[in-house]
């Protein structure tokens, strides 16, 4: 079966990785053509901007040429396109809890990506240290919550919440290898060691 959809993505993007992990977990990789693009806040891609006015990835071009964007929207759409157990609970308290955990994991991703932009794209003499410290504190508070309040829940299912956090921790390893989060959050480290060996995670690792 030839792909009927196209995903604008970047292998280094943790938000794109979430989508790719879900495609693997739900057996849909053959339905989506992966189209790598390079985008930054100061280097928009004209093709992406044509399909997604804000210029962000991931963006998914559907078979009818309609485009949906924002990783959370794409994940929800793709989770309705397979016949297995849903990775986003359809209703009830479980739905809101897992989506809330996924949102907190996205907050880790947002902060980590902003740190990357500030330290990599902005000249060193113009970097805002207080702002960088605030982003780091967001990451620390979020990981502390996952460590103390959510590890058991995360271990129960590899779903939207687990995928989001796993990609977040993988991105910290990728872009902030000196952070040393494992020494502080040992339960998270143990959980991540297990889930990082899933085929979907191994197949979507960011480039070295």
N, C-alpha and C. Protein backbone atom coordinates (compact mmCIF):
# COMPACT_ATOMS: atom_id res chain seq x y z
N UNK A 1 0.85 -1.19 0.00
CA UNK A 1 0.00 0.00 0.00
C UNK A 1 0.88 1.24 0.00
N UNK A 2 0.67 2.14 -0.96
CA UNK A 2 1.47 3.35 -1.02
C UNK A 2 0.95 4.37 -0.01
N UNK A 3 1.82 5.24 0.49
CA UNK A 3 1.40 6.23 1.49
C UNK A 3 0.33 7.16 0.94
N UNK A 4 -0.66 7.46 1.77
CA UNK A 4 -1.73 8.37 1.37
C UNK A 4 -1.61 9.73 2.04
N UNK A 5 -0.67 9.85 2.99
CA UNK A 5 -0.48 11.10 3.73
C UNK A 5 1.00 11.45 3.73
N UNK A 6 1.29 12.73 3.96
CA UNK A 6 2.68 13.19 4.03
C UNK A 6 2.88 13.97 5.32
N UNK A 7 3.97 13.65 6.02
CA UNK A 7 4.29 14.33 7.27
C UNK A 7 5.53 15.19 7.09
N UNK A 8 5.35 16.51 7.20
CA UNK A 8 6.51 17.39 7.30
C UNK A 8 7.12 17.20 8.68
N UNK A 9 8.41 16.89 8.71
CA UNK A 9 9.02 16.60 10.01
C UNK A 9 10.50 16.89 9.93
N UNK A 10 11.13 16.86 11.10
CA UNK A 10 12.59 16.90 11.19
C UNK A 10 13.00 15.82 12.17
N UNK A 11 13.97 14.96 11.82
CA UNK A 11 14.36 13.86 12.71
C UNK A 11 14.81 14.31 14.10
N UNK A 12 15.26 15.57 14.21
CA UNK A 12 15.71 16.08 15.50
C UNK A 12 14.57 16.66 16.34
N UNK A 13 13.41 16.85 15.74
CA UNK A 13 12.29 17.48 16.44
C UNK A 13 11.58 16.48 17.36
N UNK A 14 11.49 16.77 18.65
CA UNK A 14 10.79 15.85 19.55
C UNK A 14 9.29 15.82 19.29
N UNK A 15 8.73 16.93 18.79
CA UNK A 15 7.30 16.95 18.47
C UNK A 15 7.01 16.07 17.26
N UNK A 16 7.89 16.10 16.28
CA UNK A 16 7.75 15.19 15.15
C UNK A 16 7.95 13.74 15.59
N UNK A 17 8.87 13.54 16.51
CA UNK A 17 9.14 12.17 16.96
C UNK A 17 7.91 11.56 17.61
N UNK A 18 7.16 12.34 18.36
CA UNK A 18 5.94 11.81 18.98
C UNK A 18 5.03 11.19 17.92
N UNK A 19 4.86 11.90 16.82
CA UNK A 19 3.99 11.41 15.75
C UNK A 19 4.55 10.13 15.16
N UNK A 20 5.84 10.10 14.92
CA UNK A 20 6.46 8.93 14.32
C UNK A 20 6.37 7.72 15.25
N UNK A 21 6.52 7.94 16.55
CA UNK A 21 6.38 6.85 17.51
C UNK A 21 4.96 6.29 17.47
N UNK A 22 3.97 7.17 17.45
CA UNK A 22 2.59 6.69 17.40
C UNK A 22 2.33 5.92 16.11
N UNK A 23 2.89 6.37 15.00
CA UNK A 23 2.72 5.63 13.75
C UNK A 23 3.26 4.21 13.88
N UNK A 24 4.42 4.06 14.51
CA UNK A 24 4.99 2.72 14.72
C UNK A 24 4.11 1.90 15.66
N UNK A 25 3.68 2.50 16.75
CA UNK A 25 2.91 1.77 17.75
C UNK A 25 1.56 1.31 17.23
N UNK A 26 1.01 2.03 16.26
CA UNK A 26 -0.32 1.69 15.73
C UNK A 26 -0.26 1.04 14.35
N UNK A 27 0.95 0.72 13.87
CA UNK A 27 1.08 0.02 12.60
C UNK A 27 0.70 0.85 11.39
N UNK A 28 0.95 2.15 11.44
CA UNK A 28 0.54 3.02 10.35
C UNK A 28 1.71 3.64 9.58
N UNK A 29 2.92 3.17 9.80
CA UNK A 29 4.06 3.80 9.14
C UNK A 29 3.95 3.75 7.62
N UNK A 30 3.35 2.69 7.08
CA UNK A 30 3.22 2.57 5.63
C UNK A 30 2.23 3.53 5.02
N UNK A 31 1.42 4.19 5.85
CA UNK A 31 0.40 5.09 5.33
C UNK A 31 0.91 6.52 5.17
N UNK A 32 2.12 6.80 5.71
CA UNK A 32 2.60 8.19 5.76
C UNK A 32 3.98 8.30 5.13
N UNK A 33 4.09 9.19 4.18
CA UNK A 33 5.38 9.53 3.60
C UNK A 33 6.04 10.60 4.46
N UNK A 34 7.28 10.36 4.90
CA UNK A 34 8.00 11.31 5.74
C UNK A 34 8.76 12.29 4.86
N UNK A 35 8.51 13.56 5.05
CA UNK A 35 9.17 14.60 4.25
C UNK A 35 10.01 15.47 5.18
N UNK A 36 11.33 15.24 5.25
CA UNK A 36 12.18 16.03 6.16
C UNK A 36 12.29 17.48 5.68
N UNK A 37 12.21 18.39 6.64
CA UNK A 37 12.40 19.82 6.37
C UNK A 37 13.17 20.43 7.53
N UNK A 38 13.88 21.52 7.23
CA UNK A 38 14.58 22.26 8.28
C UNK A 38 13.85 23.59 8.49
N UNK A 39 13.40 23.81 9.71
CA UNK A 39 12.74 25.07 10.04
C UNK A 39 13.26 25.55 11.40
N UNK A 40 13.41 26.84 11.54
CA UNK A 40 13.71 27.48 12.82
C UNK A 40 12.90 28.77 12.87
N UNK A 41 12.82 29.43 14.03
CA UNK A 41 12.08 30.70 14.10
C UNK A 41 12.64 31.77 13.17
N UNK A 42 13.90 31.63 12.76
CA UNK A 42 14.49 32.63 11.87
C UNK A 42 14.73 32.09 10.46
N UNK A 43 14.26 30.87 10.21
CA UNK A 43 14.48 30.26 8.90
C UNK A 43 13.24 29.44 8.51
N UNK A 44 12.15 30.11 8.18
CA UNK A 44 10.93 29.37 7.81
C UNK A 44 11.10 28.68 6.47
N UNK A 45 10.34 27.60 6.31
CA UNK A 45 10.36 26.85 5.06
C UNK A 45 9.13 27.24 4.25
N UNK A 46 9.30 27.77 3.03
CA UNK A 46 8.15 28.25 2.25
C UNK A 46 7.09 27.18 2.02
N UNK A 47 7.51 25.95 1.77
CA UNK A 47 6.55 24.88 1.50
C UNK A 47 5.72 24.58 2.73
N UNK A 48 6.39 24.54 3.88
CA UNK A 48 5.64 24.30 5.12
C UNK A 48 4.70 25.47 5.39
N UNK A 49 5.17 26.70 5.21
CA UNK A 49 4.33 27.87 5.46
C UNK A 49 3.11 27.90 4.55
N UNK A 50 3.25 27.36 3.35
CA UNK A 50 2.11 27.32 2.43
C UNK A 50 1.01 26.44 2.99
N UNK A 51 1.40 25.32 3.61
CA UNK A 51 0.42 24.38 4.14
C UNK A 51 0.05 24.65 5.60
N UNK A 52 0.95 25.28 6.34
CA UNK A 52 0.72 25.61 7.74
C UNK A 52 1.18 27.04 7.95
N UNK A 53 0.28 27.99 8.02
CA UNK A 53 0.66 29.40 8.06
C UNK A 53 1.64 29.78 9.16
N UNK A 54 1.62 29.08 10.28
CA UNK A 54 2.56 29.42 11.35
C UNK A 54 3.95 28.85 11.07
N UNK A 55 4.07 27.98 10.06
CA UNK A 55 5.38 27.50 9.65
C UNK A 55 6.00 26.44 10.52
N UNK A 56 5.22 25.86 11.45
CA UNK A 56 5.77 24.89 12.38
C UNK A 56 5.59 23.46 11.89
N UNK A 57 6.45 22.59 12.39
CA UNK A 57 6.31 21.16 12.17
C UNK A 57 6.10 20.49 13.54
N UNK A 58 5.44 19.32 13.52
CA UNK A 58 4.99 18.56 12.36
C UNK A 58 3.70 19.13 11.77
N UNK A 59 3.53 18.85 10.49
CA UNK A 59 2.28 19.15 9.79
C UNK A 59 1.96 17.94 8.92
N UNK A 60 0.71 17.51 8.93
CA UNK A 60 0.31 16.30 8.23
C UNK A 60 -0.63 16.65 7.08
N UNK A 61 -0.21 16.31 5.87
CA UNK A 61 -1.05 16.50 4.68
C UNK A 61 -1.88 15.24 4.48
N UNK A 62 -3.18 15.37 4.53
CA UNK A 62 -4.06 14.22 4.42
C UNK A 62 -4.26 13.83 2.95
N UNK A 63 -4.92 12.70 2.74
CA UNK A 63 -5.13 12.20 1.38
C UNK A 63 -5.93 13.16 0.52
N UNK A 64 -6.79 13.98 1.16
CA UNK A 64 -7.60 14.95 0.41
C UNK A 64 -6.93 16.31 0.30
N UNK A 65 -5.63 16.35 0.71
CA UNK A 65 -4.80 17.56 0.65
C UNK A 65 -5.12 18.58 1.74
N UNK A 66 -6.05 18.28 2.62
CA UNK A 66 -6.20 19.12 3.80
C UNK A 66 -5.00 18.90 4.71
N UNK A 67 -4.65 19.91 5.49
CA UNK A 67 -3.48 19.83 6.36
C UNK A 67 -3.90 20.06 7.80
N UNK A 68 -3.40 19.20 8.67
CA UNK A 68 -3.60 19.41 10.10
C UNK A 68 -2.22 19.56 10.74
N UNK A 69 -2.16 20.39 11.77
CA UNK A 69 -0.88 20.65 12.39
C UNK A 69 -1.03 20.79 13.90
N UNK A 70 0.09 20.88 14.57
CA UNK A 70 0.26 20.75 16.02
C UNK A 70 0.27 19.25 16.34
N UNK A 71 1.33 18.83 17.01
CA UNK A 71 1.51 17.40 17.24
C UNK A 71 0.33 16.77 17.97
N UNK A 72 -0.27 17.51 18.92
CA UNK A 72 -1.38 16.93 19.66
C UNK A 72 -2.59 16.67 18.77
N UNK A 73 -2.84 17.59 17.84
CA UNK A 73 -3.95 17.40 16.90
C UNK A 73 -3.67 16.21 15.98
N UNK A 74 -2.45 16.15 15.48
CA UNK A 74 -2.07 15.04 14.59
C UNK A 74 -2.17 13.70 15.31
N UNK A 75 -1.69 13.64 16.55
CA UNK A 75 -1.77 12.39 17.31
C UNK A 75 -3.22 11.96 17.50
N UNK A 76 -4.09 12.91 17.82
CA UNK A 76 -5.50 12.58 18.01
C UNK A 76 -6.11 12.06 16.71
N UNK A 77 -5.78 12.72 15.60
CA UNK A 77 -6.31 12.27 14.30
C UNK A 77 -5.84 10.85 13.99
N UNK A 78 -4.54 10.62 14.10
CA UNK A 78 -4.00 9.30 13.74
C UNK A 78 -4.49 8.20 14.69
N UNK A 79 -4.78 8.58 15.92
CA UNK A 79 -5.27 7.57 16.87
C UNK A 79 -6.68 7.10 16.52
N UNK A 80 -7.37 7.86 15.68
CA UNK A 80 -8.69 7.46 15.22
C UNK A 80 -8.64 6.69 13.89
N UNK A 81 -7.42 6.45 13.37
CA UNK A 81 -7.29 5.84 12.05
C UNK A 81 -6.82 4.38 12.10
N UNK A 82 -6.77 3.78 13.29
CA UNK A 82 -6.33 2.38 13.39
C UNK A 82 -7.36 1.59 14.17
N UNK A 83 -7.24 0.27 14.11
CA UNK A 83 -8.26 -0.60 14.70
C UNK A 83 -7.86 -1.14 16.06
N UNK A 84 -6.65 -0.84 16.52
CA UNK A 84 -6.21 -1.34 17.83
C UNK A 84 -6.75 -0.51 18.97
N UNK A 85 -6.29 -0.83 20.18
CA UNK A 85 -6.71 -0.06 21.34
C UNK A 85 -6.25 1.39 21.19
N UNK A 86 -7.11 2.35 21.52
CA UNK A 86 -6.72 3.75 21.37
C UNK A 86 -5.59 4.12 22.33
N UNK A 87 -4.71 4.96 21.87
CA UNK A 87 -3.62 5.46 22.72
C UNK A 87 -4.01 6.74 23.43
N UNK A 88 -5.15 7.29 23.07
CA UNK A 88 -5.75 8.42 23.80
C UNK A 88 -7.13 7.94 24.25
N UNK A 89 -7.35 7.76 25.55
CA UNK A 89 -8.66 7.29 26.01
C UNK A 89 -9.78 8.15 25.43
N UNK A 90 -10.84 7.51 25.03
CA UNK A 90 -11.92 8.21 24.33
C UNK A 90 -12.83 9.03 25.25
N UNK A 91 -12.91 8.66 26.52
CA UNK A 91 -13.85 9.37 27.38
C UNK A 91 -13.48 9.16 28.84
N UNK A 92 -14.18 9.88 29.70
CA UNK A 92 -14.05 9.71 31.13
C UNK A 92 -12.80 10.33 31.73
N UNK A 93 -12.61 10.05 33.01
CA UNK A 93 -11.49 10.65 33.74
C UNK A 93 -10.13 10.22 33.18
N UNK A 94 -10.07 8.99 32.65
CA UNK A 94 -8.80 8.51 32.09
C UNK A 94 -8.35 9.40 30.93
N UNK A 95 -9.30 9.85 30.11
CA UNK A 95 -8.95 10.71 28.98
C UNK A 95 -8.31 12.00 29.46
N UNK A 96 -8.94 12.66 30.43
CA UNK A 96 -8.43 13.95 30.87
C UNK A 96 -7.12 13.80 31.62
N UNK A 97 -6.98 12.73 32.37
CA UNK A 97 -5.73 12.52 33.09
C UNK A 97 -4.57 12.28 32.13
N UNK A 98 -4.77 11.42 31.15
CA UNK A 98 -3.67 11.12 30.23
C UNK A 98 -3.34 12.33 29.35
N UNK A 99 -4.35 13.08 28.95
CA UNK A 99 -4.08 14.28 28.17
C UNK A 99 -3.37 15.34 29.01
N UNK A 100 -3.70 15.41 30.29
CA UNK A 100 -3.03 16.37 31.16
C UNK A 100 -1.57 15.99 31.35
N UNK A 101 -1.29 14.70 31.54
CA UNK A 101 0.09 14.26 31.65
C UNK A 101 0.85 14.52 30.35
N UNK A 102 0.18 14.28 29.21
CA UNK A 102 0.82 14.56 27.93
C UNK A 102 1.11 16.04 27.78
N UNK A 103 0.20 16.88 28.26
CA UNK A 103 0.42 18.32 28.20
C UNK A 103 1.61 18.74 29.05
N UNK A 104 1.76 18.13 30.22
CA UNK A 104 2.91 18.44 31.07
C UNK A 104 4.20 17.99 30.40
N UNK A 105 4.17 16.85 29.75
CA UNK A 105 5.35 16.39 29.01
C UNK A 105 5.68 17.36 27.87
N UNK A 106 4.64 17.89 27.22
CA UNK A 106 4.87 18.88 26.16
C UNK A 106 5.49 20.16 26.72
N UNK A 107 5.15 20.48 27.97
CA UNK A 107 5.76 21.65 28.60
C UNK A 107 7.27 21.46 28.77
N UNK A 108 7.68 20.23 29.07
CA UNK A 108 9.10 19.91 29.13
C UNK A 108 9.74 20.12 27.76
N UNK A 109 9.06 19.63 26.72
CA UNK A 109 9.56 19.79 25.36
C UNK A 109 9.65 21.26 24.97
N UNK A 110 8.61 22.03 25.28
CA UNK A 110 8.61 23.45 24.94
C UNK A 110 9.80 24.15 25.58
N UNK A 111 10.01 23.90 26.87
CA UNK A 111 11.10 24.56 27.59
C UNK A 111 12.46 24.14 27.03
N UNK A 112 12.60 22.85 26.74
CA UNK A 112 13.88 22.35 26.22
C UNK A 112 14.18 22.92 24.84
N UNK A 113 13.16 23.02 23.99
CA UNK A 113 13.36 23.58 22.65
C UNK A 113 13.69 25.07 22.75
N UNK A 114 13.04 25.79 23.65
CA UNK A 114 13.34 27.21 23.82
C UNK A 114 14.77 27.42 24.32
N UNK A 115 15.23 26.55 25.19
CA UNK A 115 16.63 26.62 25.64
C UNK A 115 17.56 26.40 24.46
N UNK A 116 17.21 25.43 23.62
CA UNK A 116 18.02 25.15 22.43
C UNK A 116 18.10 26.37 21.53
N UNK A 117 16.96 27.00 21.26
CA UNK A 117 16.95 28.17 20.40
C UNK A 117 17.78 29.31 21.00
N UNK A 118 17.60 29.53 22.29
CA UNK A 118 18.29 30.64 22.94
C UNK A 118 19.80 30.46 22.94
N UNK A 119 20.25 29.23 23.17
CA UNK A 119 21.68 29.00 23.29
C UNK A 119 22.35 28.71 21.95
N UNK A 120 21.59 28.25 20.98
CA UNK A 120 22.18 27.87 19.69
C UNK A 120 22.03 28.96 18.63
N UNK A 121 20.88 29.65 18.62
CA UNK A 121 20.61 30.63 17.57
C UNK A 121 20.97 32.05 17.97
N UNK A 122 20.88 32.35 19.27
CA UNK A 122 21.13 33.72 19.70
C UNK A 122 22.61 33.91 20.08
N UNK A 123 23.24 35.00 19.67
CA UNK A 123 24.63 35.23 20.08
C UNK A 123 24.77 35.21 21.60
N UNK A 124 25.89 34.70 22.08
CA UNK A 124 26.06 34.50 23.51
C UNK A 124 25.91 35.78 24.31
N UNK A 125 26.36 36.90 23.78
CA UNK A 125 26.27 38.16 24.52
C UNK A 125 24.85 38.71 24.59
N UNK A 126 23.93 38.09 23.85
CA UNK A 126 22.53 38.52 23.87
C UNK A 126 21.62 37.51 24.56
N UNK A 127 22.18 36.44 25.07
CA UNK A 127 21.36 35.42 25.74
C UNK A 127 20.88 35.92 27.10
N UNK A 128 19.65 35.57 27.42
CA UNK A 128 19.00 36.04 28.65
C UNK A 128 19.09 34.93 29.70
N UNK A 129 20.02 35.08 30.61
CA UNK A 129 20.31 34.02 31.58
C UNK A 129 19.13 33.75 32.51
N UNK A 130 18.45 34.81 32.95
CA UNK A 130 17.30 34.62 33.84
C UNK A 130 16.19 33.84 33.14
N UNK A 131 16.00 34.16 31.87
CA UNK A 131 14.98 33.46 31.09
C UNK A 131 15.35 31.99 30.92
N UNK A 132 16.64 31.72 30.63
CA UNK A 132 17.10 30.34 30.50
C UNK A 132 16.91 29.58 31.81
N UNK A 133 17.22 30.24 32.93
CA UNK A 133 17.06 29.59 34.23
C UNK A 133 15.60 29.24 34.49
N UNK A 134 14.70 30.12 34.06
CA UNK A 134 13.27 29.86 34.25
C UNK A 134 12.81 28.65 33.45
N UNK A 135 13.32 28.50 32.23
CA UNK A 135 12.96 27.33 31.42
C UNK A 135 13.48 26.05 32.09
N UNK A 136 14.69 26.12 32.62
CA UNK A 136 15.27 24.95 33.31
C UNK A 136 14.45 24.59 34.54
N UNK A 137 13.94 25.60 35.24
CA UNK A 137 13.12 25.33 36.43
C UNK A 137 11.79 24.68 36.04
N UNK A 138 11.23 25.07 34.90
CA UNK A 138 10.00 24.41 34.41
C UNK A 138 10.26 22.92 34.19
N UNK A 139 11.39 22.61 33.58
CA UNK A 139 11.73 21.21 33.33
C UNK A 139 11.87 20.46 34.64
N UNK A 140 12.60 21.06 35.59
CA UNK A 140 12.84 20.40 36.88
C UNK A 140 11.53 20.15 37.62
N UNK A 141 10.65 21.15 37.66
CA UNK A 141 9.37 20.98 38.37
C UNK A 141 8.53 19.89 37.72
N UNK A 142 8.53 19.86 36.41
CA UNK A 142 7.72 18.86 35.70
C UNK A 142 8.26 17.45 35.92
N UNK A 143 9.58 17.29 35.83
CA UNK A 143 10.16 15.97 36.05
C UNK A 143 9.96 15.50 37.48
N UNK A 144 10.00 16.44 38.42
CA UNK A 144 9.75 16.07 39.83
C UNK A 144 8.33 15.56 39.99
N UNK A 145 7.38 16.19 39.31
CA UNK A 145 6.00 15.73 39.39
C UNK A 145 5.88 14.32 38.81
N UNK A 146 6.44 14.12 37.63
CA UNK A 146 6.38 12.78 37.03
C UNK A 146 7.03 11.74 37.95
N UNK A 147 8.15 12.09 38.53
CA UNK A 147 8.88 11.17 39.41
C UNK A 147 8.04 10.78 40.62
N UNK A 148 7.40 11.75 41.24
CA UNK A 148 6.72 11.51 42.51
C UNK A 148 5.25 11.15 42.38
N UNK A 149 4.63 11.55 41.28
CA UNK A 149 3.17 11.41 41.18
C UNK A 149 2.67 10.56 40.02
N UNK A 150 3.51 10.22 39.05
CA UNK A 150 2.94 9.64 37.84
C UNK A 150 3.68 8.44 37.26
N UNK A 151 4.80 8.01 37.85
CA UNK A 151 5.56 6.92 37.26
C UNK A 151 4.74 5.65 37.16
N UNK A 152 4.00 5.33 38.20
CA UNK A 152 3.19 4.11 38.19
C UNK A 152 2.16 4.16 37.07
N UNK A 153 1.50 5.29 36.90
CA UNK A 153 0.53 5.45 35.81
C UNK A 153 1.19 5.29 34.44
N UNK A 154 2.35 5.91 34.30
CA UNK A 154 3.05 5.84 33.02
C UNK A 154 3.43 4.40 32.66
N UNK A 155 3.74 3.62 33.68
CA UNK A 155 4.17 2.24 33.46
C UNK A 155 3.02 1.34 33.02
N UNK A 156 1.78 1.76 33.27
CA UNK A 156 0.63 0.91 32.98
C UNK A 156 0.36 0.78 31.49
N UNK A 157 0.57 1.88 30.74
CA UNK A 157 0.27 1.88 29.30
C UNK A 157 1.28 2.74 28.58
N UNK A 158 1.69 2.32 27.39
CA UNK A 158 2.52 3.17 26.55
C UNK A 158 1.57 3.88 25.60
N UNK A 159 1.06 5.00 26.06
CA UNK A 159 0.03 5.73 25.34
C UNK A 159 0.46 7.17 25.12
N UNK A 160 -0.48 8.07 24.92
CA UNK A 160 -0.18 9.46 24.61
C UNK A 160 0.71 10.10 25.66
N UNK A 161 0.45 9.82 26.94
CA UNK A 161 1.24 10.42 28.01
C UNK A 161 2.65 9.85 28.02
N UNK A 162 2.75 8.53 27.92
CA UNK A 162 4.06 7.88 27.95
C UNK A 162 4.89 8.25 26.72
N UNK A 163 4.27 8.28 25.55
CA UNK A 163 4.98 8.66 24.33
C UNK A 163 5.53 10.07 24.46
N UNK A 164 4.71 10.98 24.95
CA UNK A 164 5.12 12.38 25.06
C UNK A 164 6.30 12.54 26.01
N UNK A 165 6.23 11.89 27.16
CA UNK A 165 7.33 12.03 28.11
C UNK A 165 8.59 11.31 27.62
N UNK A 166 8.43 10.15 27.02
CA UNK A 166 9.60 9.42 26.51
C UNK A 166 10.33 10.26 25.47
N UNK A 167 9.58 10.91 24.59
CA UNK A 167 10.23 11.78 23.59
C UNK A 167 10.85 13.00 24.25
N UNK A 168 10.24 13.48 25.33
CA UNK A 168 10.82 14.60 26.06
C UNK A 168 12.13 14.25 26.71
N UNK A 169 12.20 13.11 27.36
CA UNK A 169 13.44 12.68 28.00
C UNK A 169 14.51 12.38 26.96
N UNK A 170 14.09 11.80 25.84
CA UNK A 170 15.05 11.56 24.77
C UNK A 170 15.62 12.85 24.22
N UNK A 171 14.78 13.89 24.16
CA UNK A 171 15.27 15.17 23.67
C UNK A 171 16.24 15.81 24.66
N UNK A 172 15.99 15.65 25.95
CA UNK A 172 16.94 16.16 26.95
C UNK A 172 18.29 15.47 26.80
N UNK A 173 18.28 14.17 26.58
CA UNK A 173 19.54 13.45 26.34
C UNK A 173 20.24 13.96 25.08
N UNK A 174 19.45 14.29 24.08
CA UNK A 174 19.98 14.71 22.78
C UNK A 174 20.57 16.11 22.83
N UNK A 175 19.85 17.05 23.44
CA UNK A 175 20.26 18.45 23.40
C UNK A 175 20.91 18.95 24.71
N UNK A 176 20.65 18.26 25.81
CA UNK A 176 21.24 18.67 27.09
C UNK A 176 21.87 17.46 27.78
N UNK A 177 22.85 16.84 27.15
CA UNK A 177 23.43 15.60 27.71
C UNK A 177 24.10 15.79 29.06
N UNK A 178 24.45 17.02 29.40
CA UNK A 178 25.10 17.27 30.68
C UNK A 178 24.10 17.54 31.81
N UNK A 179 22.82 17.49 31.51
CA UNK A 179 21.81 17.80 32.52
C UNK A 179 21.84 16.80 33.67
N UNK A 180 22.09 15.52 33.35
CA UNK A 180 22.19 14.50 34.39
C UNK A 180 20.89 14.25 35.14
N UNK A 181 19.77 14.27 34.43
CA UNK A 181 18.47 14.13 35.09
C UNK A 181 18.29 12.77 35.77
N UNK A 182 18.98 11.74 35.29
CA UNK A 182 18.81 10.40 35.86
C UNK A 182 19.23 10.32 37.32
N UNK A 183 20.24 11.06 37.70
CA UNK A 183 20.73 11.01 39.08
C UNK A 183 19.74 11.61 40.06
N UNK A 184 18.86 12.49 39.56
CA UNK A 184 17.87 13.12 40.43
C UNK A 184 16.54 12.38 40.40
N UNK A 185 16.20 11.83 39.26
CA UNK A 185 14.88 11.20 39.09
C UNK A 185 15.08 9.73 38.75
N UNK A 186 15.40 8.95 39.75
CA UNK A 186 15.80 7.55 39.53
C UNK A 186 14.64 6.69 39.04
N UNK A 187 13.43 6.95 39.52
CA UNK A 187 12.28 6.16 39.07
C UNK A 187 11.97 6.44 37.61
N UNK A 188 12.06 7.71 37.22
CA UNK A 188 11.88 8.05 35.81
C UNK A 188 12.97 7.41 34.96
N UNK A 189 14.19 7.40 35.49
CA UNK A 189 15.31 6.82 34.74
C UNK A 189 15.06 5.34 34.47
N UNK A 190 14.56 4.62 35.48
CA UNK A 190 14.27 3.20 35.31
C UNK A 190 13.15 2.98 34.29
N UNK A 191 12.11 3.79 34.40
CA UNK A 191 11.00 3.70 33.45
C UNK A 191 11.48 3.99 32.03
N UNK A 192 12.27 5.05 31.88
CA UNK A 192 12.72 5.43 30.54
C UNK A 192 13.65 4.38 29.95
N UNK A 193 14.46 3.76 30.77
CA UNK A 193 15.35 2.71 30.27
C UNK A 193 14.54 1.62 29.58
N UNK A 194 13.42 1.24 30.19
CA UNK A 194 12.58 0.19 29.61
C UNK A 194 11.90 0.65 28.32
N UNK A 195 11.25 1.82 28.35
CA UNK A 195 10.47 2.23 27.18
C UNK A 195 11.38 2.64 26.02
N UNK A 196 12.59 3.08 26.32
CA UNK A 196 13.49 3.50 25.24
C UNK A 196 13.94 2.32 24.38
N UNK A 197 13.70 1.10 24.85
CA UNK A 197 14.07 -0.08 24.07
C UNK A 197 12.93 -0.58 23.18
N UNK A 198 11.79 0.09 23.24
CA UNK A 198 10.70 -0.30 22.35
C UNK A 198 11.11 -0.04 20.90
N UNK A 199 10.71 -0.90 19.97
CA UNK A 199 11.07 -0.69 18.56
C UNK A 199 10.70 0.70 18.05
N UNK A 200 9.55 1.22 18.49
CA UNK A 200 9.12 2.54 18.02
C UNK A 200 10.07 3.64 18.45
N UNK A 201 10.66 3.48 19.66
CA UNK A 201 11.61 4.47 20.14
C UNK A 201 12.98 4.29 19.47
N UNK A 202 13.38 3.07 19.28
CA UNK A 202 14.68 2.82 18.63
C UNK A 202 14.66 3.29 17.18
N UNK A 203 13.54 3.10 16.49
CA UNK A 203 13.44 3.47 15.08
C UNK A 203 13.38 4.97 14.86
N UNK A 204 13.07 5.73 15.91
CA UNK A 204 12.85 7.17 15.75
C UNK A 204 13.89 8.00 16.51
N UNK A 205 14.98 7.40 16.89
CA UNK A 205 15.99 8.16 17.63
C UNK A 205 16.49 9.34 16.79
N UNK A 206 16.77 10.47 17.44
CA UNK A 206 17.30 11.63 16.69
C UNK A 206 18.69 11.32 16.17
N UNK A 207 19.13 12.03 15.15
CA UNK A 207 20.45 11.76 14.55
C UNK A 207 21.56 12.03 15.55
N UNK A 208 22.64 11.28 15.41
CA UNK A 208 23.79 11.46 16.29
C UNK A 208 24.55 12.71 15.87
